[in-house]
């Protein structure tokens, strides 16, 4: 015969404890998945913003180096870039460069840079 006190002394995990542990683990994994998605969104935004800033700087340097003070527009990897040049005084030009793109949530994003460039001619 079995002794009832022996059953009480046995160590083990009940079904309720296993279910609670699985619930906690499932909730934790869902939170980690959400964090991963937020990180991916942040990476995409950061990459596009950095690329757009590089396009701004590149065009400004190109205009300075070439001396070609004409307005224009182009597109690179889904980023639209426009630039305008205005006479700002004696031997001085105002250069406005603007980039615009759509993020992964289809929201319009834009950034602008303005610089004054000294020229040899009017």
PDB file of N, CA and C in Angstrom:
ATOM      1  N   UNK A   1       0.789  -1.172   0.000  1.00  0.00           N
ATOM      2  CA  UNK A   1       0.000   0.000   0.000  1.00  0.00           C
ATOM      3  C   UNK A   1       0.843   1.253   0.000  1.00  0.00           C
ATOM      4  N   UNK A   2       0.271   2.250  -0.595  1.00  0.00           N
ATOM      5  CA  UNK A   2       0.986   3.525  -0.656  1.00  0.00           C
ATOM      6  C   UNK A   2       0.648   4.347   0.565  1.00  0.00           C
ATOM      7  N   UNK A   3       1.613   5.065   0.959  1.00  0.00           N
ATOM      8  CA  UNK A   3       1.449   5.940   2.104  1.00  0.00           C
ATOM      9  C   UNK A   3       1.046   7.325   1.595  1.00  0.00           C
ATOM     10  N   UNK A   4      -0.084   7.931   2.042  1.00  0.00           N
ATOM     11  CA  UNK A   4      -0.504   9.258   1.565  1.00  0.00           C
ATOM     12  C   UNK A   4       0.498  10.352   1.864  1.00  0.00           C
ATOM     13  N   UNK A   5       1.277  10.234   2.890  1.00  0.00           N
ATOM     14  CA  UNK A   5       2.268  11.262   3.201  1.00  0.00           C
ATOM     15  C   UNK A   5       3.400  11.254   2.190  1.00  0.00           C
ATOM     16  N   UNK A   6       3.646  10.121   1.531  1.00  0.00           N
ATOM     17  CA  UNK A   6       4.701  10.056   0.514  1.00  0.00           C
ATOM     18  C   UNK A   6       4.312  10.880  -0.715  1.00  0.00           C
ATOM     19  N   UNK A   7       3.032  10.913  -1.058  1.00  0.00           N
ATOM     20  CA  UNK A   7       2.596  11.700  -2.207  1.00  0.00           C
ATOM     21  C   UNK A   7       2.766  13.187  -1.959  1.00  0.00           C
ATOM     22  N   UNK A   8       2.576  13.623  -0.746  1.00  0.00           N
ATOM     23  CA  UNK A   8       2.733  15.038  -0.431  1.00  0.00           C
ATOM     24  C   UNK A   8       4.193  15.473  -0.471  1.00  0.00           C
ATOM     25  N   UNK A   9       5.104  14.585  -0.244  1.00  0.00           N
ATOM     26  CA  UNK A   9       6.518  14.944  -0.201  1.00  0.00           C
ATOM     27  C   UNK A   9       7.176  14.903  -1.578  1.00  0.00           C
ATOM     28  N   UNK A  10       6.468  14.423  -2.589  1.00  0.00           N
ATOM     29  CA  UNK A  10       7.058  14.339  -3.914  1.00  0.00           C
ATOM     30  C   UNK A  10       7.191  15.742  -4.514  1.00  0.00           C
ATOM     31  N   UNK A  11       8.316  15.969  -5.175  1.00  0.00           N
ATOM     32  CA  UNK A  11       8.581  17.260  -5.818  1.00  0.00           C
ATOM     33  C   UNK A  11       8.186  17.170  -7.281  1.00  0.00           C
ATOM     34  N   UNK A  12       7.644  18.279  -7.827  1.00  0.00           N
ATOM     35  CA  UNK A  12       7.256  18.291  -9.232  1.00  0.00           C
ATOM     36  C   UNK A  12       6.569  19.598  -9.586  1.00  0.00           C
ATOM     37  N   UNK A  13       6.238  19.734 -10.867  1.00  0.00           N
ATOM     38  CA  UNK A  13       5.594  20.945 -11.359  1.00  0.00           C
ATOM     39  C   UNK A  13       4.159  20.583 -11.717  1.00  0.00           C
ATOM     40  N   UNK A  14       3.250  21.390 -11.252  1.00  0.00           N
ATOM     41  CA  UNK A  14       1.848  21.140 -11.575  1.00  0.00           C
ATOM     42  C   UNK A  14       1.526  21.677 -12.953  1.00  0.00           C
ATOM     43  N   UNK A  15       0.437  21.235 -13.501  1.00  0.00           N
ATOM     44  CA  UNK A  15      -0.011  21.686 -14.818  1.00  0.00           C
ATOM     45  C   UNK A  15      -0.284  23.190 -14.809  1.00  0.00           C
ATOM     46  N   UNK A  16      -0.820  23.709 -13.738  1.00  0.00           N
ATOM     47  CA  UNK A  16      -1.086  25.144 -13.623  1.00  0.00           C
ATOM     48  C   UNK A  16       0.210  25.948 -13.675  1.00  0.00           C
ATOM     49  N   UNK A  17       1.242  25.472 -13.015  1.00  0.00           N
ATOM     50  CA  UNK A  17       2.525  26.179 -13.035  1.00  0.00           C
ATOM     51  C   UNK A  17       3.127  26.180 -14.446  1.00  0.00           C
ATOM     52  N   UNK A  18       2.993  25.080 -15.155  1.00  0.00           N
ATOM     53  CA  UNK A  18       3.504  25.006 -16.528  1.00  0.00           C
ATOM     54  C   UNK A  18       2.743  25.975 -17.419  1.00  0.00           C
ATOM     55  N   UNK A  19       1.434  26.049 -17.270  1.00  0.00           N
ATOM     56  CA  UNK A  19       0.631  26.949 -18.096  1.00  0.00           C
ATOM     57  C   UNK A  19       0.955  28.411 -17.800  1.00  0.00           C
ATOM     58  N   UNK A  20       1.150  28.765 -16.549  1.00  0.00           N
ATOM     59  CA  UNK A  20       1.523  30.141 -16.193  1.00  0.00           C
ATOM     60  C   UNK A  20       2.889  30.479 -16.778  1.00  0.00           C
ATOM     61  N   UNK A  21       3.832  29.548 -16.685  1.00  0.00           N
ATOM     62  CA  UNK A  21       5.170  29.784 -17.237  1.00  0.00           C
ATOM     63  C   UNK A  21       5.104  29.976 -18.753  1.00  0.00           C
ATOM     64  N   UNK A  22       4.288  29.187 -19.435  1.00  0.00           N
ATOM     65  CA  UNK A  22       4.134  29.329 -20.885  1.00  0.00           C
ATOM     66  C   UNK A  22       3.479  30.654 -21.246  1.00  0.00           C
ATOM     67  N   UNK A  23       2.515  31.088 -20.450  1.00  0.00           N
ATOM     68  CA  UNK A  23       1.867  32.376 -20.690  1.00  0.00           C
ATOM     69  C   UNK A  23       2.858  33.528 -20.541  1.00  0.00           C
ATOM     70  N   UNK A  24       3.666  33.482 -19.512  1.00  0.00           N
ATOM     71  CA  UNK A  24       4.673  34.532 -19.292  1.00  0.00           C
ATOM     72  C   UNK A  24       5.696  34.532 -20.427  1.00  0.00           C
ATOM     73  N   UNK A  25       6.128  33.335 -20.834  1.00  0.00           N
ATOM     74  CA  UNK A  25       7.106  33.243 -21.911  1.00  0.00           C
ATOM     75  C   UNK A  25       6.512  33.745 -23.236  1.00  0.00           C
ATOM     76  N   UNK A  26       5.274  33.422 -23.540  1.00  0.00           N
ATOM     77  CA  UNK A  26       4.621  33.888 -24.766  1.00  0.00           C
ATOM     78  C   UNK A  26       4.504  35.400 -24.778  1.00  0.00           C
ATOM     79  N   UNK A  27       4.096  35.979 -23.665  1.00  0.00           N
ATOM     80  CA  UNK A  27       3.980  37.431 -23.567  1.00  0.00           C
ATOM     81  C   UNK A  27       5.345  38.092 -23.773  1.00  0.00           C
ATOM     82  N   UNK A  28       6.385  37.521 -23.185  1.00  0.00           N
ATOM     83  CA  UNK A  28       7.743  38.074 -23.338  1.00  0.00           C
ATOM     84  C   UNK A  28       8.203  38.010 -24.789  1.00  0.00           C
ATOM     85  N   UNK A  29       7.915  36.910 -25.473  1.00  0.00           N
ATOM     86  CA  UNK A  29       8.316  36.781 -26.873  1.00  0.00           C
ATOM     87  C   UNK A  29       7.571  37.773 -27.762  1.00  0.00           C
ATOM     88  N   UNK A  30       6.300  38.033 -27.467  1.00  0.00           N
ATOM     89  CA  UNK A  30       5.552  39.033 -28.226  1.00  0.00           C
ATOM     90  C   UNK A  30       6.146  40.426 -28.038  1.00  0.00           C
ATOM     91  N   UNK A  31       6.553  40.743 -26.818  1.00  0.00           N
ATOM     92  CA  UNK A  31       7.191  42.040 -26.577  1.00  0.00           C
ATOM     93  C   UNK A  31       8.516  42.153 -27.321  1.00  0.00           C
ATOM     94  N   UNK A  32       9.290  41.066 -27.336  1.00  0.00           N
ATOM     95  CA  UNK A  32      10.557  41.083 -28.070  1.00  0.00           C
ATOM     96  C   UNK A  32      10.323  41.249 -29.566  1.00  0.00           C
ATOM     97  N   UNK A  33       9.292  40.622 -30.097  1.00  0.00           N
ATOM     98  CA  UNK A  33       8.973  40.781 -31.515  1.00  0.00           C
ATOM     99  C   UNK A  33       8.610  42.230 -31.824  1.00  0.00           C
ATOM    100  N   UNK A  34       7.842  42.847 -30.953  1.00  0.00           N
ATOM    101  CA  UNK A  34       7.476  44.253 -31.135  1.00  0.00           C
ATOM    102  C   UNK A  34       8.721  45.138 -31.102  1.00  0.00           C
ATOM    103  N   UNK A  35       9.629  44.859 -30.181  1.00  0.00           N
ATOM    104  CA  UNK A  35      10.859  45.647 -30.101  1.00  0.00           C
ATOM    105  C   UNK A  35      11.686  45.490 -31.372  1.00  0.00           C
ATOM    106  N   UNK A  36      11.716  44.296 -31.942  1.00  0.00           N
ATOM    107  CA  UNK A  36      12.465  44.064 -33.173  1.00  0.00           C
ATOM    108  C   UNK A  36      11.857  44.862 -34.328  1.00  0.00           C
ATOM    109  N   UNK A  37      10.534  44.919 -34.402  1.00  0.00           N
ATOM    110  CA  UNK A  37       9.883  45.682 -35.462  1.00  0.00           C
ATOM    111  C   UNK A  37      10.166  47.179 -35.318  1.00  0.00           C
ATOM    112  N   UNK A  38      10.149  47.682 -34.098  1.00  0.00           N
ATOM    113  CA  UNK A  38      10.470  49.090 -33.865  1.00  0.00           C
ATOM    114  C   UNK A  38      11.916  49.371 -34.269  1.00  0.00           C
ATOM    115  N   UNK A  39      12.813  48.454 -33.967  1.00  0.00           N
ATOM    116  CA  UNK A  39      14.222  48.629 -34.340  1.00  0.00           C
ATOM    117  C   UNK A  39      14.386  48.642 -35.859  1.00  0.00           C
ATOM    118  N   UNK A  40      13.668  47.774 -36.566  1.00  0.00           N
ATOM    119  CA  UNK A  40      13.752  47.762 -38.029  1.00  0.00           C
ATOM    120  C   UNK A  40      13.213  49.058 -38.627  1.00  0.00           C
ATOM    121  N   UNK A  41      12.111  49.561 -38.085  1.00  0.00           N
ATOM    122  CA  UNK A  41      11.579  50.847 -38.550  1.00  0.00           C
ATOM    123  C   UNK A  41      12.603  51.960 -38.338  1.00  0.00           C
ATOM    124  N   UNK A  42      13.219  51.970 -37.162  1.00  0.00           N
ATOM    125  CA  UNK A  42      14.227  52.987 -36.853  1.00  0.00           C
ATOM    126  C   UNK A  42      15.424  52.904 -37.776  1.00  0.00           C
ATOM    127  N   UNK A  43      15.854  51.700 -38.093  1.00  0.00           N
ATOM    128  CA  UNK A  43      16.981  51.527 -39.013  1.00  0.00           C
ATOM    129  C   UNK A  43      16.651  52.035 -40.407  1.00  0.00           C
ATOM    130  N   UNK A  44      15.456  51.728 -40.890  1.00  0.00           N
ATOM    131  CA  UNK A  44      15.056  52.184 -42.222  1.00  0.00           C
ATOM    132  C   UNK A  44      14.986  53.705 -42.262  1.00  0.00           C
ATOM    133  N   UNK A  45      14.389  54.306 -41.238  1.00  0.00           N
ATOM    134  CA  UNK A  45      14.292  55.767 -41.180  1.00  0.00           C
ATOM    135  C   UNK A  45      15.688  56.387 -41.137  1.00  0.00           C
ATOM    136  N   UNK A  46      16.551  55.818 -40.325  1.00  0.00           N
ATOM    137  CA  UNK A  46      17.907  56.346 -40.195  1.00  0.00           C
ATOM    138  C   UNK A  46      18.681  56.243 -41.505  1.00  0.00           C
ATOM    139  N   UNK A  47      18.559  55.114 -42.193  1.00  0.00           N
ATOM    140  CA  UNK A  47      19.258  54.944 -43.468  1.00  0.00           C
ATOM    141  C   UNK A  47      18.786  55.955 -44.505  1.00  0.00           C
ATOM    142  N   UNK A  48      17.482  56.137 -44.630  1.00  0.00           N
ATOM    143  CA  UNK A  48      16.955  57.095 -45.617  1.00  0.00           C
ATOM    144  C   UNK A  48      17.355  58.521 -45.256  1.00  0.00           C
ATOM    145  N   UNK A  49      17.269  58.879 -43.987  1.00  0.00           N
ATOM    146  CA  UNK A  49      17.622  60.228 -43.558  1.00  0.00           C
ATOM    147  C   UNK A  49      19.106  60.507 -43.797  1.00  0.00           C
ATOM    148  N   UNK A  50      19.951  59.534 -43.506  1.00  0.00           N
ATOM    149  CA  UNK A  50      21.385  59.696 -43.742  1.00  0.00           C
ATOM    150  C   UNK A  50      21.672  59.831 -45.227  1.00  0.00           C
ATOM    151  N   UNK A  51      21.022  58.994 -46.045  1.00  0.00           N
ATOM    152  CA  UNK A  51      21.209  59.067 -47.490  1.00  0.00           C
ATOM    153  C   UNK A  51      20.767  60.425 -48.023  1.00  0.00           C
ATOM    154  N   UNK A  52      19.637  60.925 -47.530  1.00  0.00           N
ATOM    155  CA  UNK A  52      19.144  62.235 -47.973  1.00  0.00           C
ATOM    156  C   UNK A  52      20.117  63.341 -47.585  1.00  0.00           C
ATOM    157  N   UNK A  53      20.661  63.273 -46.387  1.00  0.00           N
ATOM    158  CA  UNK A  53      21.640  64.286 -45.955  1.00  0.00           C
ATOM    159  C   UNK A  53      22.906  64.228 -46.813  1.00  0.00           C
ATOM    160  N   UNK A  54      23.305  63.023 -47.198  1.00  0.00           N
ATOM    161  CA  UNK A  54      24.467  62.888 -48.074  1.00  0.00           C
ATOM    162  C   UNK A  54      24.186  63.492 -49.451  1.00  0.00           C
ATOM    163  N   UNK A  55      22.964  63.299 -49.953  1.00  0.00           N
ATOM    164  CA  UNK A  55      22.605  63.900 -51.243  1.00  0.00           C
ATOM    165  C   UNK A  55      22.612  65.423 -51.168  1.00  0.00           C
ATOM    166  N   UNK A  56      22.128  65.977 -50.054  1.00  0.00           N
ATOM    167  CA  UNK A  56      22.167  67.436 -49.869  1.00  0.00           C
ATOM    168  C   UNK A  56      23.600  67.946 -49.939  1.00  0.00           C
ATOM    169  N   UNK A  57      24.462  67.345 -49.143  1.00  0.00           N
ATOM    170  CA  UNK A  57      25.855  67.786 -49.077  1.00  0.00           C
ATOM    171  C   UNK A  57      26.562  67.580 -50.417  1.00  0.00           C
ATOM    172  N   UNK A  58      26.294  66.462 -51.059  1.00  0.00           N
ATOM    173  CA  UNK A  58      26.922  66.170 -52.344  1.00  0.00           C
ATOM    174  C   UNK A  58      26.573  67.229 -53.396  1.00  0.00           C
ATOM    175  N   UNK A  59      25.307  67.595 -53.480  1.00  0.00           N
ATOM    176  CA  UNK A  59      24.895  68.585 -54.478  1.00  0.00           C
ATOM    177  C   UNK A  59      25.506  69.945 -54.171  1.00  0.00           C
ATOM    178  N   UNK A  60      25.519  70.330 -52.909  1.00  0.00           N
ATOM    179  CA  UNK A  60      26.116  71.606 -52.534  1.00  0.00           C
ATOM    180  C   UNK A  60      27.597  71.641 -52.904  1.00  0.00           C
ATOM    181  N   UNK A  61      28.317  70.576 -52.622  1.00  0.00           N
ATOM    182  CA  UNK A  61      29.739  70.517 -52.970  1.00  0.00           C
ATOM    183  C   UNK A  61      29.931  70.511 -54.483  1.00  0.00           C
ATOM    184  N   UNK A  62      29.042  69.830 -55.183  1.00  0.00           N
ATOM    185  CA  UNK A  62      29.118  69.794 -56.644  1.00  0.00           C
ATOM    186  C   UNK A  62      28.923  71.189 -57.237  1.00  0.00           C
ATOM    187  N   UNK A  63      27.960  71.930 -56.731  1.00  0.00           N
ATOM    188  CA  UNK A  63      27.714  73.291 -57.222  1.00  0.00           C
ATOM    189  C   UNK A  63      28.902  74.193 -56.913  1.00  0.00           C
ATOM    190  N   UNK A  64      29.437  74.083 -55.711  1.00  0.00           N
ATOM    191  CA  UNK A  64      30.611  74.894 -55.348  1.00  0.00           C
ATOM    192  C   UNK A  64      31.800  74.589 -56.244  1.00  0.00           C
ATOM    193  N   UNK A  65      32.049  73.309 -56.468  1.00  0.00           N
ATOM    194  CA  UNK A  65      33.236  72.910 -57.228  1.00  0.00           C
ATOM    195  C   UNK A  65      33.106  73.235 -58.714  1.00  0.00           C
ATOM    196  N   UNK A  66      31.938  73.023 -59.287  1.00  0.00           N
ATOM    197  CA  UNK A  66      31.773  73.215 -60.729  1.00  0.00           C
ATOM    198  C   UNK A  66      31.524  74.666 -61.101  1.00  0.00           C
ATOM    199  N   UNK A  67      30.945  75.439 -60.188  1.00  0.00           N
ATOM    200  CA  UNK A  67      30.590  76.803 -60.519  1.00  0.00           C
ATOM    201  C   UNK A  67      29.371  76.887 -61.418  1.00  0.00           C
ATOM    202  N   UNK A  68      28.650  75.794 -61.555  1.00  0.00           N
ATOM    203  CA  UNK A  68      27.453  75.740 -62.385  1.00  0.00           C
ATOM    204  C   UNK A  68      26.253  76.148 -61.525  1.00  0.00           C
ATOM    205  N   UNK A  69      25.918  77.433 -61.561  1.00  0.00           N
ATOM    206  CA  UNK A  69      24.871  77.977 -60.695  1.00  0.00           C
ATOM    207  C   UNK A  69      23.529  78.009 -61.431  1.00  0.00           C
ATOM    208  N   UNK A  70      23.041  76.830 -61.801  1.00  0.00           N
ATOM    209  CA  UNK A  70      21.735  76.722 -62.448  1.00  0.00           C
ATOM    210  C   UNK A  70      20.809  75.875 -61.580  1.00  0.00           C
ATOM    211  N   UNK A  71      19.521  76.125 -61.731  1.00  0.00           N
ATOM    212  CA  UNK A  71      18.535  75.342 -60.988  1.00  0.00           C
ATOM    213  C   UNK A  71      18.400  73.958 -61.608  1.00  0.00           C
ATOM    214  N   UNK A  72      17.897  72.998 -60.812  1.00  0.00           N
ATOM    215  CA  UNK A  72      17.725  71.667 -61.376  1.00  0.00           C
ATOM    216  C   UNK A  72      17.052  70.717 -60.410  1.00  0.00           C
ATOM    217  N   UNK A  73      16.895  69.469 -60.875  1.00  0.00           N
ATOM    218  CA  UNK A  73      16.276  68.419 -60.066  1.00  0.00           C
ATOM    219  C   UNK A  73      16.758  67.070 -60.567  1.00  0.00           C
ATOM    220  N   UNK A  74      16.804  66.102 -59.675  1.00  0.00           N
ATOM    221  CA  UNK A  74      17.100  64.725 -60.045  1.00  0.00           C
ATOM    222  C   UNK A  74      16.542  63.790 -58.975  1.00  0.00           C
ATOM    223  N   UNK A  75      16.656  62.486 -59.226  1.00  0.00           N
ATOM    224  CA  UNK A  75      16.155  61.472 -58.300  1.00  0.00           C
ATOM    225  C   UNK A  75      17.195  60.380 -58.147  1.00  0.00           C
ATOM    226  N   UNK A  76      17.408  59.929 -56.916  1.00  0.00           N
ATOM    227  CA  UNK A  76      18.339  58.834 -56.649  1.00  0.00           C
ATOM    228  C   UNK A  76      17.747  57.935 -55.565  1.00  0.00           C
ATOM    229  N   UNK A  77      17.559  56.676 -55.885  1.00  0.00           N
ATOM    230  CA  UNK A  77      17.056  55.671 -54.947  1.00  0.00           C
ATOM    231  C   UNK A  77      15.781  56.116 -54.234  1.00  0.00           C
ATOM    232  N   UNK A  78      14.872  56.689 -54.974  1.00  0.00           N
ATOM    233  CA  UNK A  78      13.590  57.096 -54.406  1.00  0.00           C
ATOM    234  C   UNK A  78      13.604  58.422 -53.674  1.00  0.00           C
ATOM    235  N   UNK A  79      14.735  59.117 -53.685  1.00  0.00           N
ATOM    236  CA  UNK A  79      14.837  60.423 -53.036  1.00  0.00           C
ATOM    237  C   UNK A  79      14.901  61.484 -54.134  1.00  0.00           C
ATOM    238  N   UNK A  80      13.927  62.392 -54.126  1.00  0.00           N
ATOM    239  CA  UNK A  80      13.900  63.480 -55.104  1.00  0.00           C
ATOM    240  C   UNK A  80      14.696  64.657 -54.560  1.00  0.00           C
ATOM    241  N   UNK A  81      15.536  65.213 -55.414  1.00  0.00           N
ATOM    242  CA  UNK A  81      16.391  66.329 -54.991  1.00  0.00           C
ATOM    243  C   UNK A  81      16.199  67.484 -55.951  1.00  0.00           C
ATOM    244  N   UNK A  82      15.957  68.672 -55.397  1.00  0.00           N
ATOM    245  CA  UNK A  82      15.844  69.888 -56.199  1.00  0.00           C
ATOM    246  C   UNK A  82      16.775  70.943 -55.622  1.00  0.00           C
ATOM    247  N   UNK A  83      17.248  71.813 -56.492  1.00  0.00           N
ATOM    248  CA  UNK A  83      18.105  72.899 -56.025  1.00  0.00           C
ATOM    249  C   UNK A  83      17.808  74.155 -56.815  1.00  0.00           C
ATOM    250  N   UNK A  84      17.867  75.272 -56.104  1.00  0.00           N
ATOM    251  CA  UNK A  84      17.675  76.581 -56.718  1.00  0.00           C
ATOM    252  C   UNK A  84      18.830  77.474 -56.319  1.00  0.00           C
ATOM    253  N   UNK A  85      19.225  78.327 -57.253  1.00  0.00           N
ATOM    254  CA  UNK A  85      20.331  79.250 -57.015  1.00  0.00           C
ATOM    255  C   UNK A  85      19.816  80.658 -57.269  1.00  0.00           C
ATOM    256  N   UNK A  86      20.052  81.565 -56.315  1.00  0.00           N
ATOM    257  CA  UNK A  86      19.615  82.956 -56.446  1.00  0.00           C
ATOM    258  C   UNK A  86      20.800  83.875 -56.211  1.00  0.00           C
ATOM    259  N   UNK A  87      20.779  85.008 -56.899  1.00  0.00           N
ATOM    260  CA  UNK A  87      21.798  86.022 -56.683  1.00  0.00           C
ATOM    261  C   UNK A  87      21.498  86.709 -55.350  1.00  0.00           C
ATOM    262  N   UNK A  88      22.482  86.734 -54.445  1.00  0.00           N
ATOM    263  CA  UNK A  88      22.271  87.313 -53.114  1.00  0.00           C
ATOM    264  C   UNK A  88      23.109  88.564 -52.898  1.00  0.00           C
ATOM    265  N   UNK A  89      23.697  89.083 -53.927  1.00  0.00           N
ATOM    266  CA  UNK A  89      24.514  90.283 -53.781  1.00  0.00           C
ATOM    267  C   UNK A  89      25.771  90.162 -54.619  1.00  0.00           C
ATOM    268  N   UNK A  90      26.693  91.080 -54.404  1.00  0.00           N
ATOM    269  CA  UNK A  90      27.946  91.088 -55.154  1.00  0.00           C
ATOM    270  C   UNK A  90      28.742  89.819 -54.883  1.00  0.00           C
ATOM    271  N   UNK A  91      28.972  89.060 -55.928  1.00  0.00           N
ATOM    272  CA  UNK A  91      29.775  87.829 -55.856  1.00  0.00           C
ATOM    273  C   UNK A  91      29.263  86.842 -54.805  1.00  0.00           C
ATOM    274  N   UNK A  92      27.952  86.795 -54.597  1.00  0.00           N
ATOM    275  CA  UNK A  92      27.390  85.893 -53.594  1.00  0.00           C
ATOM    276  C   UNK A  92      26.119  85.257 -54.144  1.00  0.00           C
ATOM    277  N   UNK A  93      26.038  83.941 -54.031  1.00  0.00           N
ATOM    278  CA  UNK A  93      24.858  83.198 -54.482  1.00  0.00           C
ATOM    279  C   UNK A  93      24.262  82.423 -53.319  1.00  0.00           C
ATOM    280  N   UNK A  94      22.949  82.421 -53.287  1.00  0.00           N
ATOM    281  CA  UNK A  94      22.252  81.605 -52.286  1.00  0.00           C
ATOM    282  C   UNK A  94      21.844  80.300 -52.966  1.00  0.00           C
ATOM    283  N   UNK A  95      22.241  79.175 -52.380  1.00  0.00           N
ATOM    284  CA  UNK A  95      21.934  77.855 -52.928  1.00  0.00           C
ATOM    285  C   UNK A  95      21.017  77.137 -51.940  1.00  0.00           C
ATOM    286  N   UNK A  96      19.818  76.783 -52.396  1.00  0.00           N
ATOM    287  CA  UNK A  96      18.870  76.003 -51.592  1.00  0.00           C
ATOM    288  C   UNK A  96      18.754  74.616 -52.213  1.00  0.00           C
ATOM    289  N   UNK A  97      19.053  73.602 -51.427  1.00  0.00           N
ATOM    290  CA  UNK A  97      18.930  72.218 -51.885  1.00  0.00           C
ATOM    291  C   UNK A  97      17.888  71.540 -51.003  1.00  0.00           C
ATOM    292  N   UNK A  98      16.937  70.849 -51.654  1.00  0.00           N
ATOM    293  CA  UNK A  98      15.855  70.176 -50.921  1.00  0.00           C
ATOM    294  C   UNK A  98      15.773  68.736 -51.380  1.00  0.00           C
ATOM    295  N   UNK A  99      15.608  67.826 -50.410  1.00  0.00           N
ATOM    296  CA  UNK A  99      15.374  66.417 -50.725  1.00  0.00           C
ATOM    297  C   UNK A  99      14.025  66.016 -50.136  1.00  0.00           C
ATOM    298  N   UNK A 100      13.326  65.124 -50.830  1.00  0.00           N
ATOM    299  CA  UNK A 100      12.027  64.639 -50.369  1.00  0.00           C
ATOM    300  C   UNK A 100      11.909  63.158 -50.693  1.00  0.00           C
ATOM    301  N   UNK A 101      11.292  62.403 -49.784  1.00  0.00           N
ATOM    302  CA  UNK A 101      11.096  60.974 -49.996  1.00  0.00           C
ATOM    303  C   UNK A 101       9.893  60.513 -49.185  1.00  0.00           C
ATOM    304  N   UNK A 102       9.431  59.291 -49.466  1.00  0.00           N
ATOM    305  CA  UNK A 102       8.344  58.669 -48.708  1.00  0.00           C
ATOM    306  C   UNK A 102       8.944  57.579 -47.832  1.00  0.00           C
ATOM    307  N   UNK A 103       8.560  57.578 -46.556  1.00  0.00           N
ATOM    308  CA  UNK A 103       9.074  56.530 -45.677  1.00  0.00           C
ATOM    309  C   UNK A 103       8.259  55.250 -45.857  1.00  0.00           C
ATOM    310  N   UNK A 104       8.598  54.214 -45.104  1.00  0.00           N
ATOM    311  CA  UNK A 104       7.956  52.917 -45.291  1.00  0.00           C
ATOM    312  C   UNK A 104       6.484  52.912 -44.874  1.00  0.00           C
ATOM    313  N   UNK A 105       6.040  53.956 -44.201  1.00  0.00           N
ATOM    314  CA  UNK A 105       4.631  54.090 -43.817  1.00  0.00           C
ATOM    315  C   UNK A 105       3.896  55.044 -44.753  1.00  0.00           C
ATOM    316  N   UNK A 106       4.497  55.349 -45.910  1.00  0.00           N
ATOM    317  CA  UNK A 106       3.932  56.215 -46.947  1.00  0.00           C
ATOM    318  C   UNK A 106       3.698  57.646 -46.457  1.00  0.00           C
ATOM    319  N   UNK A 107       4.526  58.097 -45.531  1.00  0.00           N
ATOM    320  CA  UNK A 107       4.481  59.493 -45.080  1.00  0.00           C
ATOM    321  C   UNK A 107       5.573  60.272 -45.802  1.00  0.00           C
ATOM    322  N   UNK A 108       5.245  61.486 -46.215  1.00  0.00           N
ATOM    323  CA  UNK A 108       6.218  62.338 -46.897  1.00  0.00           C
ATOM    324  C   UNK A 108       7.228  62.890 -45.899  1.00  0.00           C
ATOM    325  N   UNK A 109       8.490  62.818 -46.270  1.00  0.00           N
ATOM    326  CA  UNK A 109       9.585  63.358 -45.471  1.00  0.00           C
ATOM    327  C   UNK A 109      10.382  64.317 -46.347  1.00  0.00           C
ATOM    328  N   UNK A 110      10.990  65.320 -45.741  1.00  0.00           N
ATOM    329  CA  UNK A 110      11.783  66.279 -46.519  1.00  0.00           C
ATOM    330  C   UNK A 110      12.850  66.904 -45.629  1.00  0.00           C
ATOM    331  N   UNK A 111      13.890  67.397 -46.283  1.00  0.00           N
ATOM    332  CA  UNK A 111      14.962  68.091 -45.586  1.00  0.00           C
ATOM    333  C   UNK A 111      15.527  69.136 -46.543  1.00  0.00           C
ATOM    334  N   UNK A 112      15.964  70.260 -45.998  1.00  0.00           N
ATOM    335  CA  UNK A 112      16.466  71.361 -46.821  1.00  0.00           C
ATOM    336  C   UNK A 112      17.780  71.881 -46.253  1.00  0.00           C
ATOM    337  N   UNK A 113      18.654  72.301 -47.151  1.00  0.00           N
ATOM    338  CA  UNK A 113      19.915  72.922 -46.746  1.00  0.00           C
ATOM    339  C   UNK A 113      20.101  74.187 -47.567  1.00  0.00           C
ATOM    340  N   UNK A 114      20.491  75.247 -46.911  1.00  0.00           N
ATOM    341  CA  UNK A 114      20.756  76.525 -47.578  1.00  0.00           C
ATOM    342  C   UNK A 114      22.198  76.930 -47.303  1.00  0.00           C
ATOM    343  N   UNK A 115      22.877  77.385 -48.339  1.00  0.00           N
ATOM    344  CA  UNK A 115      24.255  77.845 -48.185  1.00  0.00           C
ATOM    345  C   UNK A 115      24.471  79.053 -49.091  1.00  0.00           C
ATOM    346  N   UNK A 116      25.401  79.874 -48.698  1.00  0.00           N
ATOM    347  CA  UNK A 116      25.811  81.014 -49.514  1.00  0.00           C
ATOM    348  C   UNK A 116      27.185  80.727 -50.053  1.00  0.00           C
ATOM    349  N   UNK A 117      27.317  80.895 -51.384  1.00  0.00           N
ATOM    350  CA  UNK A 117      28.570  80.563 -52.051  1.00  0.00           C
ATOM    351  C   UNK A 117      29.134  81.823 -52.675  1.00  0.00           C
ATOM    352  N   UNK A 118      30.394  82.077 -52.424  1.00  0.00           N
ATOM    353  CA  UNK A 118      31.086  83.227 -53.010  1.00  0.00           C
ATOM    354  C   UNK A 118      31.545  82.846 -54.409  1.00  0.00           C
ATOM    355  N   UNK A 119      31.302  83.739 -55.370  1.00  0.00           N
ATOM    356  CA  UNK A 119      31.672  83.476 -56.765  1.00  0.00           C
ATOM    357  C   UNK A 119      32.596  84.555 -57.269  1.00  0.00           C
ATOM    358  N   UNK A 120      33.250  84.257 -58.376  1.00  0.00           N
ATOM    359  CA  UNK A 120      34.136  85.251 -59.007  1.00  0.00           C
ATOM    360  C   UNK A 120      33.361  86.193 -59.923  1.00  0.00           C
ATOM    361  N   UNK A 121      32.177  85.766 -60.326  1.00  0.00           N
ATOM    362  CA  UNK A 121      31.396  86.600 -61.236  1.00  0.00           C
ATOM    363  C   UNK A 121      29.996  86.805 -60.672  1.00  0.00           C
ATOM    364  N   UNK A 122      29.286  87.751 -61.250  1.00  0.00           N
ATOM    365  CA  UNK A 122      27.925  88.013 -60.840  1.00  0.00           C
ATOM    366  C   UNK A 122      27.056  87.022 -61.513  1.00  0.00           C
TER     367      UNK A 122
END
